Amino acid sequence: MVSLRNVSKSYGKKVIFKDVSMDIDGGEPVVFMGSNGCGKSTLLRIIAGLLHCTTGEVVHLPEIKISYVPDRFPKLPFKVNDYLRHMGRIQKISDGDILKYMRTMFERLNIPEHIETQKIPHCSKGTIQKINIMQALITRPDLLILDEPFSGLDEDTVEVMVELLKNMEETHIVLSCHEKILAQRLAEKVFVFRKGAVVNEVFAY
């Protein structure tokens, strides 16, 4: 799906990480862990094709469909339904299918019906994060990249999201996560960021 070969990223003399190599192809989700500012978000954006690496190579399968959930979703001046309809139309999804998708996800993520016509900046942090996730899943991507997807979500919604991600058999998933317990539920192996290095580790039970 995606191969990284000796990927490094630096800004001037500051090295964010160096010589990262990995293959993202099937199996359980790939989870990145580490402290704030260690480079997790930067590497996710490189994998998504939104940022260039300083050295090394990133190879994607031809015509791969990638969806990205940023850690901070912009408070766009649109109504929720208008925004999701727009995102679906970009992918040439019919308005009828978009409406069905919204109804299903609103119920699954416990979003009140009135939120559909509410402007995004007027939504709560948790609701905005749910919209962030919905916009990424509407495309049925081959590769789903999520930057701290559980941030701002209530406990019940976190449980729904964990189960949703675990059951996305046709979608490859890469995400960053602070919560070790949640990471353990999603994958046995994680990539841990430490002082510019990215180390593949196995959870000890």
N, C-alpha and C. Protein backbone atom coordinates (compact mmCIF):
# COMPACT_ATOMS: atom_id res chain seq x y z
N MET A 1 0.83 -1.20 0.00
CA MET A 1 0.00 0.00 0.00
C MET A 1 0.87 1.27 0.00
N VAL A 2 1.75 1.37 1.02
CA VAL A 2 2.71 2.48 1.09
C VAL A 2 4.03 1.94 1.65
N SER A 3 5.13 2.34 1.05
CA SER A 3 6.46 1.96 1.54
C SER A 3 7.28 3.20 1.84
N LEU A 4 7.90 3.23 3.01
CA LEU A 4 8.80 4.31 3.40
C LEU A 4 10.21 3.74 3.46
N ARG A 5 11.14 4.42 2.80
CA ARG A 5 12.52 3.97 2.78
C ARG A 5 13.45 5.09 3.22
N ASN A 6 14.02 4.92 4.43
CA ASN A 6 15.00 5.88 4.97
C ASN A 6 14.48 7.32 4.92
N VAL A 7 13.24 7.48 5.36
CA VAL A 7 12.60 8.80 5.33
C VAL A 7 13.06 9.64 6.53
N SER A 8 13.49 10.86 6.23
CA SER A 8 13.89 11.81 7.27
C SER A 8 13.19 13.14 7.02
N LYS A 9 13.00 13.89 8.11
CA LYS A 9 12.40 15.22 7.99
C LYS A 9 13.11 16.17 8.93
N SER A 10 13.50 17.30 8.38
CA SER A 10 14.14 18.33 9.19
C SER A 10 13.69 19.70 8.73
N TYR A 11 13.77 20.65 9.63
CA TYR A 11 13.49 22.05 9.31
C TYR A 11 14.75 22.84 9.66
N GLY A 12 15.50 23.22 8.63
CA GLY A 12 16.79 23.84 8.90
C GLY A 12 17.72 22.83 9.55
N LYS A 13 18.27 23.18 10.69
CA LYS A 13 19.17 22.28 11.40
C LYS A 13 18.44 21.36 12.38
N LYS A 14 17.14 21.60 12.55
CA LYS A 14 16.37 20.78 13.49
C LYS A 14 15.89 19.50 12.82
N VAL A 15 16.35 18.36 13.31
CA VAL A 15 15.93 17.06 12.78
C VAL A 15 14.71 16.59 13.56
N ILE A 16 13.61 16.33 12.85
CA ILE A 16 12.38 15.85 13.48
C ILE A 16 12.47 14.34 13.68
N PHE A 17 12.83 13.62 12.64
CA PHE A 17 13.12 12.19 12.72
C PHE A 17 13.99 11.82 11.54
N LYS A 18 14.64 10.67 11.61
CA LYS A 18 15.55 10.28 10.53
C LYS A 18 15.49 8.78 10.27
N ASP A 19 15.72 8.44 9.01
CA ASP A 19 15.87 7.05 8.56
C ASP A 19 14.71 6.14 8.98
N VAL A 20 13.49 6.59 8.72
CA VAL A 20 12.31 5.78 9.03
C VAL A 20 11.99 4.89 7.83
N SER A 21 11.91 3.60 8.07
CA SER A 21 11.54 2.65 7.02
C SER A 21 10.43 1.75 7.53
N MET A 22 9.39 1.58 6.73
CA MET A 22 8.29 0.69 7.09
C MET A 22 7.43 0.43 5.86
N ASP A 23 6.69 -0.67 5.91
CA ASP A 23 5.71 -0.99 4.88
C ASP A 23 4.33 -1.00 5.52
N ILE A 24 3.39 -0.33 4.89
CA ILE A 24 2.01 -0.30 5.36
C ILE A 24 1.20 -1.10 4.36
N ASP A 25 0.85 -2.32 4.76
CA ASP A 25 0.20 -3.21 3.80
C ASP A 25 -0.53 -4.34 4.52
N GLY A 26 -1.80 -4.13 4.77
CA GLY A 26 -2.63 -5.18 5.33
C GLY A 26 -2.46 -5.36 6.83
N GLY A 27 -3.22 -6.31 7.37
CA GLY A 27 -3.12 -6.62 8.79
C GLY A 27 -3.77 -5.56 9.66
N GLU A 28 -3.33 -5.52 10.90
CA GLU A 28 -3.90 -4.61 11.88
C GLU A 28 -3.43 -3.18 11.66
N PRO A 29 -4.10 -2.21 12.30
CA PRO A 29 -3.68 -0.81 12.14
C PRO A 29 -2.23 -0.58 12.57
N VAL A 30 -1.61 0.41 11.93
CA VAL A 30 -0.28 0.87 12.33
C VAL A 30 -0.49 2.05 13.28
N VAL A 31 0.10 1.95 14.48
CA VAL A 31 -0.11 2.96 15.51
C VAL A 31 1.20 3.67 15.83
N PHE A 32 1.16 5.01 15.84
CA PHE A 32 2.31 5.83 16.24
C PHE A 32 2.05 6.37 17.65
N MET A 33 3.06 6.28 18.50
CA MET A 33 2.95 6.83 19.85
C MET A 33 4.19 7.67 20.15
N GLY A 34 4.03 8.62 21.06
CA GLY A 34 5.14 9.48 21.43
C GLY A 34 4.62 10.77 22.03
N SER A 35 5.52 11.54 22.60
CA SER A 35 5.13 12.80 23.24
C SER A 35 4.75 13.85 22.21
N ASN A 36 4.12 14.92 22.67
CA ASN A 36 3.75 16.02 21.78
C ASN A 36 5.00 16.62 21.15
N GLY A 37 4.92 16.91 19.84
CA GLY A 37 6.03 17.55 19.16
C GLY A 37 7.13 16.61 18.70
N CYS A 38 6.91 15.30 18.83
CA CYS A 38 7.97 14.35 18.48
C CYS A 38 8.02 14.03 16.99
N GLY A 39 6.96 14.41 16.25
CA GLY A 39 6.99 14.18 14.80
C GLY A 39 5.91 13.26 14.27
N LYS A 40 5.00 12.80 15.13
CA LYS A 40 3.95 11.88 14.70
C LYS A 40 3.09 12.50 13.59
N SER A 41 2.62 13.71 13.83
CA SER A 41 1.76 14.38 12.85
C SER A 41 2.50 14.64 11.55
N THR A 42 3.76 14.99 11.66
CA THR A 42 4.58 15.25 10.46
C THR A 42 4.69 13.99 9.61
N LEU A 43 4.96 12.85 10.25
CA LEU A 43 5.09 11.60 9.49
C LEU A 43 3.76 11.19 8.87
N LEU A 44 2.67 11.40 9.60
CA LEU A 44 1.35 11.08 9.05
C LEU A 44 1.07 11.90 7.79
N ARG A 45 1.42 13.18 7.83
CA ARG A 45 1.19 14.04 6.65
C ARG A 45 2.08 13.61 5.49
N ILE A 46 3.29 13.14 5.78
CA ILE A 46 4.17 12.65 4.71
C ILE A 46 3.57 11.39 4.08
N ILE A 47 3.06 10.49 4.91
CA ILE A 47 2.43 9.27 4.39
C ILE A 47 1.20 9.61 3.55
N ALA A 48 0.46 10.63 3.98
CA ALA A 48 -0.74 11.05 3.26
C ALA A 48 -0.43 11.77 1.96
N GLY A 49 0.84 12.16 1.77
CA GLY A 49 1.22 12.89 0.57
C GLY A 49 0.98 14.38 0.67
N LEU A 50 0.77 14.88 1.89
CA LEU A 50 0.51 16.30 2.12
C LEU A 50 1.78 17.08 2.44
N LEU A 51 2.86 16.36 2.68
CA LEU A 51 4.13 16.98 3.04
C LEU A 51 5.26 16.15 2.46
N HIS A 52 6.30 16.83 1.99
CA HIS A 52 7.45 16.12 1.42
C HIS A 52 8.47 15.81 2.51
N CYS A 53 9.12 14.65 2.39
CA CYS A 53 10.21 14.34 3.29
C CYS A 53 11.47 15.08 2.84
N THR A 54 12.40 15.26 3.75
CA THR A 54 13.65 15.95 3.42
C THR A 54 14.58 15.02 2.64
N THR A 55 14.69 13.80 3.11
CA THR A 55 15.45 12.77 2.39
C THR A 55 14.69 11.46 2.47
N GLY A 56 15.02 10.54 1.61
CA GLY A 56 14.35 9.25 1.60
C GLY A 56 13.28 9.18 0.52
N GLU A 57 12.47 8.13 0.57
CA GLU A 57 11.49 7.89 -0.48
C GLU A 57 10.20 7.33 0.10
N VAL A 58 9.08 7.84 -0.42
CA VAL A 58 7.75 7.32 -0.06
C VAL A 58 7.08 6.86 -1.34
N VAL A 59 6.71 5.59 -1.39
CA VAL A 59 6.10 5.03 -2.60
C VAL A 59 4.68 4.57 -2.29
N HIS A 60 3.69 5.11 -3.03
CA HIS A 60 2.29 4.71 -2.89
C HIS A 60 1.90 3.80 -4.05
N LEU A 61 0.99 2.88 -3.80
CA LEU A 61 0.41 2.11 -4.89
C LEU A 61 -0.30 3.05 -5.86
N PRO A 62 -0.28 2.76 -7.14
CA PRO A 62 -0.97 3.61 -8.12
C PRO A 62 -2.46 3.73 -7.80
N GLU A 63 -2.99 4.94 -7.95
CA GLU A 63 -4.42 5.22 -7.80
C GLU A 63 -4.95 4.89 -6.41
N ILE A 64 -4.10 4.89 -5.41
CA ILE A 64 -4.54 4.65 -4.04
C ILE A 64 -5.42 5.81 -3.58
N LYS A 65 -6.50 5.48 -2.88
CA LYS A 65 -7.42 6.50 -2.36
C LYS A 65 -7.12 6.68 -0.87
N ILE A 66 -6.68 7.89 -0.51
CA ILE A 66 -6.27 8.17 0.87
C ILE A 66 -7.22 9.19 1.49
N SER A 67 -7.65 8.93 2.73
CA SER A 67 -8.41 9.90 3.51
C SER A 67 -7.62 10.25 4.76
N TYR A 68 -7.74 11.51 5.16
CA TYR A 68 -6.91 12.02 6.26
C TYR A 68 -7.78 12.74 7.29
N VAL A 69 -7.58 12.39 8.56
CA VAL A 69 -8.26 13.04 9.67
C VAL A 69 -7.22 13.85 10.43
N PRO A 70 -7.19 15.18 10.26
CA PRO A 70 -6.19 16.00 10.96
C PRO A 70 -6.49 16.09 12.45
N ASP A 71 -5.46 16.41 13.23
CA ASP A 71 -5.68 16.51 14.68
C ASP A 71 -6.53 17.72 15.03
N ARG A 72 -6.49 18.74 14.19
CA ARG A 72 -7.32 19.93 14.43
C ARG A 72 -8.11 20.24 13.17
N PHE A 73 -9.39 19.98 13.22
CA PHE A 73 -10.25 20.20 12.07
C PHE A 73 -10.64 21.67 12.01
N PRO A 74 -10.47 22.33 10.86
CA PRO A 74 -10.79 23.75 10.76
C PRO A 74 -12.28 24.02 10.95
N LYS A 75 -12.60 25.10 11.63
CA LYS A 75 -14.00 25.46 11.86
C LYS A 75 -14.52 26.21 10.64
N LEU A 76 -14.81 25.44 9.60
CA LEU A 76 -15.26 26.00 8.33
C LEU A 76 -16.66 26.60 8.47
N PRO A 77 -16.93 27.71 7.77
CA PRO A 77 -18.22 28.41 7.92
C PRO A 77 -19.35 27.77 7.11
N PHE A 78 -19.51 26.45 7.26
CA PHE A 78 -20.55 25.72 6.54
C PHE A 78 -21.47 25.01 7.52
N LYS A 79 -22.69 24.75 7.09
CA LYS A 79 -23.56 23.87 7.85
C LYS A 79 -23.02 22.44 7.69
N VAL A 80 -23.24 21.63 8.70
CA VAL A 80 -22.71 20.27 8.69
C VAL A 80 -23.18 19.49 7.46
N ASN A 81 -24.47 19.54 7.17
CA ASN A 81 -24.98 18.77 6.02
C ASN A 81 -24.44 19.30 4.69
N ASP A 82 -24.28 20.62 4.58
CA ASP A 82 -23.74 21.19 3.34
C ASP A 82 -22.29 20.77 3.13
N TYR A 83 -21.53 20.75 4.22
CA TYR A 83 -20.12 20.37 4.12
C TYR A 83 -19.98 18.91 3.70
N LEU A 84 -20.71 18.02 4.37
CA LEU A 84 -20.61 16.59 4.05
C LEU A 84 -21.13 16.30 2.65
N ARG A 85 -22.16 17.03 2.24
CA ARG A 85 -22.67 16.85 0.88
C ARG A 85 -21.61 17.29 -0.14
N HIS A 86 -20.94 18.39 0.16
CA HIS A 86 -19.88 18.88 -0.73
C HIS A 86 -18.74 17.87 -0.83
N MET A 87 -18.33 17.30 0.30
CA MET A 87 -17.24 16.34 0.30
C MET A 87 -17.63 15.07 -0.46
N GLY A 88 -18.89 14.67 -0.34
CA GLY A 88 -19.34 13.51 -1.08
C GLY A 88 -19.39 13.76 -2.57
N ARG A 89 -19.85 14.94 -2.96
CA ARG A 89 -19.95 15.27 -4.39
C ARG A 89 -18.57 15.30 -5.04
N ILE A 90 -17.56 15.74 -4.30
CA ILE A 90 -16.20 15.73 -4.83
C ILE A 90 -15.81 14.32 -5.26
N GLN A 91 -16.28 13.34 -4.50
CA GLN A 91 -15.98 11.94 -4.80
C GLN A 91 -17.04 11.31 -5.70
N LYS A 92 -17.91 12.16 -6.26
CA LYS A 92 -18.96 11.72 -7.19
C LYS A 92 -19.94 10.74 -6.54
N ILE A 93 -20.25 10.99 -5.28
CA ILE A 93 -21.25 10.20 -4.56
C ILE A 93 -22.58 10.92 -4.69
N SER A 94 -23.65 10.19 -4.97
CA SER A 94 -24.96 10.81 -5.16
C SER A 94 -25.48 11.40 -3.85
N ASP A 95 -26.33 12.44 -3.98
CA ASP A 95 -26.89 13.07 -2.79
C ASP A 95 -27.68 12.07 -1.96
N GLY A 96 -28.36 11.11 -2.63
CA GLY A 96 -29.12 10.10 -1.91
C GLY A 96 -28.23 9.23 -1.05
N ASP A 97 -27.09 8.81 -1.60
CA ASP A 97 -26.16 7.97 -0.84
C ASP A 97 -25.49 8.77 0.28
N ILE A 98 -25.24 10.05 0.03
CA ILE A 98 -24.66 10.90 1.08
C ILE A 98 -25.63 11.03 2.24
N LEU A 99 -26.91 11.22 1.92
CA LEU A 99 -27.93 11.35 2.97
C LEU A 99 -28.02 10.07 3.79
N LYS A 100 -28.01 8.91 3.13
CA LYS A 100 -28.05 7.63 3.84
C LYS A 100 -26.84 7.49 4.75
N TYR A 101 -25.68 7.88 4.22
CA TYR A 101 -24.44 7.81 5.01
C TYR A 101 -24.54 8.69 6.26
N MET A 102 -25.03 9.93 6.08
CA MET A 102 -25.15 10.84 7.22
C MET A 102 -26.10 10.28 8.27
N ARG A 103 -27.22 9.76 7.85
CA ARG A 103 -28.20 9.20 8.79
C ARG A 103 -27.58 8.05 9.59
N THR A 104 -26.86 7.16 8.87
CA THR A 104 -26.23 6.01 9.53
C THR A 104 -25.18 6.45 10.54
N MET A 105 -24.31 7.39 10.12
CA MET A 105 -23.21 7.82 10.99
C MET A 105 -23.70 8.69 12.14
N PHE A 106 -24.72 9.50 11.91
CA PHE A 106 -25.28 10.31 12.99
C PHE A 106 -25.80 9.39 14.10
N GLU A 107 -26.44 8.31 13.70
CA GLU A 107 -26.96 7.37 14.69
C GLU A 107 -25.84 6.63 15.38
N ARG A 108 -24.87 6.18 14.60
CA ARG A 108 -23.76 5.40 15.16
C ARG A 108 -22.92 6.23 16.12
N LEU A 109 -22.70 7.50 15.77
CA LEU A 109 -21.86 8.38 16.60
C LEU A 109 -22.66 9.21 17.60
N ASN A 110 -23.96 8.91 17.68
CA ASN A 110 -24.84 9.58 18.65
C ASN A 110 -24.83 11.11 18.48
N ILE A 111 -25.02 11.55 17.25
CA ILE A 111 -25.11 12.98 16.95
C ILE A 111 -26.59 13.35 16.81
N PRO A 112 -27.09 14.32 17.57
CA PRO A 112 -28.49 14.73 17.47
C PRO A 112 -28.84 15.22 16.06
N GLU A 113 -30.07 14.97 15.64
CA GLU A 113 -30.48 15.31 14.27
C GLU A 113 -30.35 16.80 13.97
N HIS A 114 -30.60 17.65 14.96
CA HIS A 114 -30.57 19.10 14.69
C HIS A 114 -29.18 19.60 14.32
N ILE A 115 -28.14 18.82 14.65
CA ILE A 115 -26.77 19.23 14.32
C ILE A 115 -26.57 19.28 12.81
N GLU A 116 -27.36 18.52 12.08
CA GLU A 116 -27.21 18.46 10.63
C GLU A 116 -27.26 19.84 9.97
N THR A 117 -28.08 20.73 10.48
CA THR A 117 -28.22 22.07 9.89
C THR A 117 -27.48 23.15 10.69
N GLN A 118 -26.68 22.73 11.63
CA GLN A 118 -25.91 23.68 12.44
C GLN A 118 -24.58 23.98 11.77
N LYS A 119 -24.11 25.23 11.90
CA LYS A 119 -22.81 25.58 11.32
C LYS A 119 -21.68 24.97 12.15
N ILE A 120 -20.66 24.50 11.46
CA ILE A 120 -19.56 23.80 12.10
C ILE A 120 -18.92 24.60 13.25
N PRO A 121 -18.66 25.92 13.08
CA PRO A 121 -18.03 26.65 14.19
C PRO A 121 -18.89 26.69 15.45
N HIS A 122 -20.20 26.43 15.33
CA HIS A 122 -21.09 26.46 16.49
C HIS A 122 -21.23 25.10 17.16
N CYS A 123 -20.55 24.11 16.63
CA CYS A 123 -20.61 22.76 17.20
C CYS A 123 -19.58 22.61 18.33
N SER A 124 -19.83 21.65 19.21
CA SER A 124 -18.88 21.38 20.29
C SER A 124 -17.62 20.73 19.72
N LYS A 125 -16.56 20.70 20.53
CA LYS A 125 -15.29 20.10 20.10
C LYS A 125 -15.49 18.63 19.73
N GLY A 126 -16.27 17.92 20.54
CA GLY A 126 -16.50 16.51 20.26
C GLY A 126 -17.26 16.29 18.97
N THR A 127 -18.27 17.13 18.72
CA THR A 127 -19.06 17.01 17.49
C THR A 127 -18.21 17.33 16.27
N ILE A 128 -17.37 18.35 16.37
CA ILE A 128 -16.48 18.70 15.26
C ILE A 128 -15.55 17.54 14.94
N GLN A 129 -15.06 16.86 15.97
CA GLN A 129 -14.19 15.71 15.73
C GLN A 129 -14.96 14.59 15.03
N LYS A 130 -16.22 14.41 15.39
CA LYS A 130 -17.04 13.39 14.73
C LYS A 130 -17.24 13.74 13.25
N ILE A 131 -17.45 15.01 12.96
CA ILE A 131 -17.60 15.46 11.57
C ILE A 131 -16.29 15.24 10.82
N ASN A 132 -15.18 15.50 11.50
CA ASN A 132 -13.85 15.28 10.94
C ASN A 132 -13.70 13.81 10.50
N ILE A 133 -14.13 12.90 11.36
CA ILE A 133 -14.04 11.48 11.05
C ILE A 133 -15.00 11.11 9.92
N MET A 134 -16.20 11.68 9.94
CA MET A 134 -17.19 11.38 8.91
C MET A 134 -16.73 11.81 7.52
N GLN A 135 -16.09 12.97 7.43
CA GLN A 135 -15.63 13.44 6.12
C GLN A 135 -14.56 12.52 5.53
N ALA A 136 -13.80 11.87 6.40
CA ALA A 136 -12.76 10.97 5.92
C ALA A 136 -13.33 9.63 5.48
N LEU A 137 -14.33 9.15 6.19
CA LEU A 137 -14.88 7.83 5.89
C LEU A 137 -15.87 7.83 4.74
N ILE A 138 -16.37 8.99 4.36
CA ILE A 138 -17.38 9.06 3.30
C ILE A 138 -16.85 8.53 1.97
N THR A 139 -15.55 8.57 1.79
CA THR A 139 -14.94 8.16 0.52
C THR A 139 -14.63 6.66 0.43
N ARG A 140 -14.80 5.92 1.54
CA ARG A 140 -14.42 4.51 1.59
C ARG A 140 -12.98 4.34 1.10
N PRO A 141 -12.03 4.91 1.84
CA PRO A 141 -10.64 4.96 1.36
C PRO A 141 -9.93 3.61 1.42
N ASP A 142 -8.87 3.51 0.62
CA ASP A 142 -7.97 2.36 0.71
C ASP A 142 -7.06 2.51 1.93
N LEU A 143 -6.67 3.75 2.20
CA LEU A 143 -5.79 4.06 3.33
C LEU A 143 -6.41 5.20 4.13
N LEU A 144 -6.64 4.95 5.41
CA LEU A 144 -7.20 5.95 6.32
C LEU A 144 -6.14 6.37 7.31
N ILE A 145 -5.83 7.66 7.34
CA ILE A 145 -4.80 8.20 8.22
C ILE A 145 -5.47 9.12 9.24
N LEU A 146 -5.28 8.82 10.52
CA LEU A 146 -5.95 9.57 11.58
C LEU A 146 -4.94 10.10 12.58
N ASP A 147 -4.98 11.40 12.80
CA ASP A 147 -4.08 12.05 13.75
C ASP A 147 -4.85 12.34 15.04
N GLU A 148 -4.57 11.55 16.08
CA GLU A 148 -5.24 11.65 17.38
C GLU A 148 -6.77 11.65 17.20
N PRO A 149 -7.33 10.59 16.62
CA PRO A 149 -8.76 10.57 16.32
C PRO A 149 -9.67 10.54 17.55
N PHE A 150 -9.15 10.15 18.72
CA PHE A 150 -9.99 10.04 19.91
C PHE A 150 -10.04 11.33 20.71
N SER A 151 -9.30 12.34 20.29
CA SER A 151 -9.26 13.61 21.00
C SER A 151 -10.63 14.28 20.98
N GLY A 152 -11.11 14.66 22.15
CA GLY A 152 -12.38 15.39 22.23
C GLY A 152 -13.61 14.52 22.23
N LEU A 153 -13.45 13.19 22.09
CA LEU A 153 -14.60 12.31 22.04
C LEU A 153 -14.96 11.80 23.44
N ASP A 154 -16.25 11.64 23.68
CA ASP A 154 -16.68 11.07 24.95
C ASP A 154 -16.40 9.57 24.97
N GLU A 155 -16.48 8.99 26.14
CA GLU A 155 -16.09 7.58 26.32
C GLU A 155 -16.90 6.64 25.44
N ASP A 156 -18.20 6.87 25.34
CA ASP A 156 -19.05 6.00 24.52
C ASP A 156 -18.65 6.05 23.05
N THR A 157 -18.35 7.26 22.56
CA THR A 157 -17.97 7.41 21.15
C THR A 157 -16.60 6.80 20.89
N VAL A 158 -15.70 6.89 21.85
CA VAL A 158 -14.39 6.25 21.71
C VAL A 158 -14.58 4.74 21.51
N GLU A 159 -15.47 4.14 22.28
CA GLU A 159 -15.73 2.71 22.14
C GLU A 159 -16.27 2.39 20.75
N VAL A 160 -17.17 3.22 20.25
CA VAL A 160 -17.72 3.03 18.90
C VAL A 160 -16.61 3.14 17.86
N MET A 161 -15.73 4.13 18.02
CA MET A 161 -14.66 4.34 17.06
C MET A 161 -13.66 3.19 17.05
N VAL A 162 -13.31 2.68 18.23
CA VAL A 162 -12.37 1.56 18.30
C VAL A 162 -12.93 0.36 17.55
N GLU A 163 -14.20 0.04 17.79
CA GLU A 163 -14.82 -1.09 17.12
C GLU A 163 -14.93 -0.85 15.62
N LEU A 164 -15.24 0.39 15.23
CA LEU A 164 -15.34 0.74 13.82
C LEU A 164 -14.01 0.52 13.11
N LEU A 165 -12.93 1.00 13.72
CA LEU A 165 -11.61 0.87 13.12
C LEU A 165 -11.15 -0.59 13.06
N LYS A 166 -11.48 -1.35 14.09
CA LYS A 166 -11.07 -2.76 14.13
C LYS A 166 -11.78 -3.59 13.05
N ASN A 167 -12.93 -3.12 12.60
CA ASN A 167 -13.72 -3.90 11.65
C ASN A 167 -13.67 -3.36 10.22
N MET A 168 -12.76 -2.43 9.95
CA MET A 168 -12.62 -1.91 8.59
C MET A 168 -11.65 -2.79 7.81
N GLU A 169 -12.13 -3.94 7.39
CA GLU A 169 -11.27 -4.97 6.81
C GLU A 169 -10.67 -4.56 5.46
N GLU A 170 -11.36 -3.75 4.69
CA GLU A 170 -10.87 -3.39 3.36
C GLU A 170 -10.09 -2.08 3.35
N THR A 171 -9.93 -1.47 4.50
CA THR A 171 -9.21 -0.21 4.60
C THR A 171 -7.98 -0.37 5.49
N HIS A 172 -6.85 0.07 5.02
CA HIS A 172 -5.61 0.06 5.80
C HIS A 172 -5.60 1.32 6.67
N ILE A 173 -5.17 1.19 7.92
CA ILE A 173 -5.29 2.29 8.88
C ILE A 173 -3.94 2.62 9.50
N VAL A 174 -3.64 3.91 9.54
CA VAL A 174 -2.47 4.42 10.25
C VAL A 174 -2.96 5.55 11.15
N LEU A 175 -2.61 5.49 12.43
CA LEU A 175 -3.08 6.54 13.33
C LEU A 175 -2.07 6.83 14.42
N SER A 176 -2.17 8.02 14.97
CA SER A 176 -1.40 8.37 16.15
C SER A 176 -2.33 8.34 17.35
N CYS A 177 -1.79 7.98 18.50
CA CYS A 177 -2.63 7.81 19.68
C CYS A 177 -1.78 8.01 20.94
N HIS A 178 -2.31 8.78 21.88
CA HIS A 178 -1.61 8.98 23.15
C HIS A 178 -1.93 7.89 24.17
N GLU A 179 -3.14 7.35 24.06
CA GLU A 179 -3.64 6.43 25.07
C GLU A 179 -3.13 5.01 24.82
N LYS A 180 -2.27 4.52 25.68
CA LYS A 180 -1.66 3.21 25.49
C LYS A 180 -2.70 2.10 25.48
N ILE A 181 -3.72 2.20 26.33
CA ILE A 181 -4.74 1.16 26.41
C ILE A 181 -5.50 1.06 25.09
N LEU A 182 -5.83 2.21 24.49
CA LEU A 182 -6.53 2.20 23.21
C LEU A 182 -5.62 1.65 22.12
N ALA A 183 -4.36 2.03 22.17
CA ALA A 183 -3.40 1.52 21.17
C ALA A 183 -3.29 0.00 21.26
N GLN A 184 -3.28 -0.52 22.48
CA GLN A 184 -3.19 -1.97 22.68
C GLN A 184 -4.40 -2.69 22.10
N ARG A 185 -5.55 -2.05 22.16
CA ARG A 185 -6.77 -2.67 21.64
C ARG A 185 -6.78 -2.71 20.12
N LEU A 186 -6.02 -1.82 19.50
CA LEU A 186 -6.01 -1.74 18.05
C LEU A 186 -4.88 -2.53 17.41
N ALA A 187 -3.76 -2.65 18.11
CA ALA A 187 -2.59 -3.30 17.49
C ALA A 187 -1.66 -3.87 18.55
N GLU A 188 -0.93 -4.92 18.18
CA GLU A 188 0.07 -5.49 19.08
C GLU A 188 1.40 -4.76 18.97
N LYS A 189 1.66 -4.19 17.78
CA LYS A 189 2.91 -3.50 17.55
C LYS A 189 2.65 -2.00 17.35
N VAL A 190 3.55 -1.19 17.85
CA VAL A 190 3.45 0.25 17.65
C VAL A 190 4.81 0.80 17.24
N PHE A 191 4.79 1.96 16.62
CA PHE A 191 6.02 2.68 16.32
C PHE A 191 6.11 3.84 17.31
N VAL A 192 7.16 3.81 18.12
CA VAL A 192 7.34 4.80 19.18
C VAL A 192 8.41 5.80 18.77
N PHE A 193 8.09 7.10 18.88
CA PHE A 193 9.01 8.18 18.53
C PHE A 193 9.84 8.55 19.75
N ARG A 194 11.18 8.44 19.59
CA ARG A 194 12.08 8.80 20.68
C ARG A 194 13.31 9.51 20.14
N LYS A 195 13.44 10.79 20.46
CA LYS A 195 14.64 11.56 20.13
C LYS A 195 15.06 11.42 18.67
N GLY A 196 14.11 11.58 17.77
CA GLY A 196 14.42 11.54 16.35
C GLY A 196 14.41 10.17 15.72
N ALA A 197 14.29 9.13 16.56
CA ALA A 197 14.22 7.77 16.03
C ALA A 197 12.80 7.26 16.15
N VAL A 198 12.41 6.36 15.25
CA VAL A 198 11.10 5.73 15.29
C VAL A 198 11.32 4.23 15.44
N VAL A 199 10.96 3.70 16.60
CA VAL A 199 11.28 2.31 16.96
C VAL A 199 10.02 1.46 16.95
N ASN A 200 10.09 0.31 16.30
CA ASN A 200 8.98 -0.63 16.28
C ASN A 200 9.01 -1.45 17.55
N GLU A 201 7.93 -1.41 18.34
CA GLU A 201 7.90 -2.12 19.61
C GLU A 201 6.67 -3.00 19.68
N VAL A 202 6.74 -4.02 20.53
CA VAL A 202 5.62 -4.92 20.78
C VAL A 202 5.16 -4.71 22.21
N PHE A 203 3.84 -4.60 22.42
CA PHE A 203 3.33 -4.41 23.75
C PHE A 203 3.63 -5.64 24.61
N ALA A 204 4.03 -5.40 25.86
CA ALA A 204 4.25 -6.47 26.82
C ALA A 204 2.99 -6.63 27.66
N TYR A 205 2.38 -7.78 27.62
CA TYR A 205 1.14 -8.01 28.37
C TYR A 205 1.43 -8.68 29.70
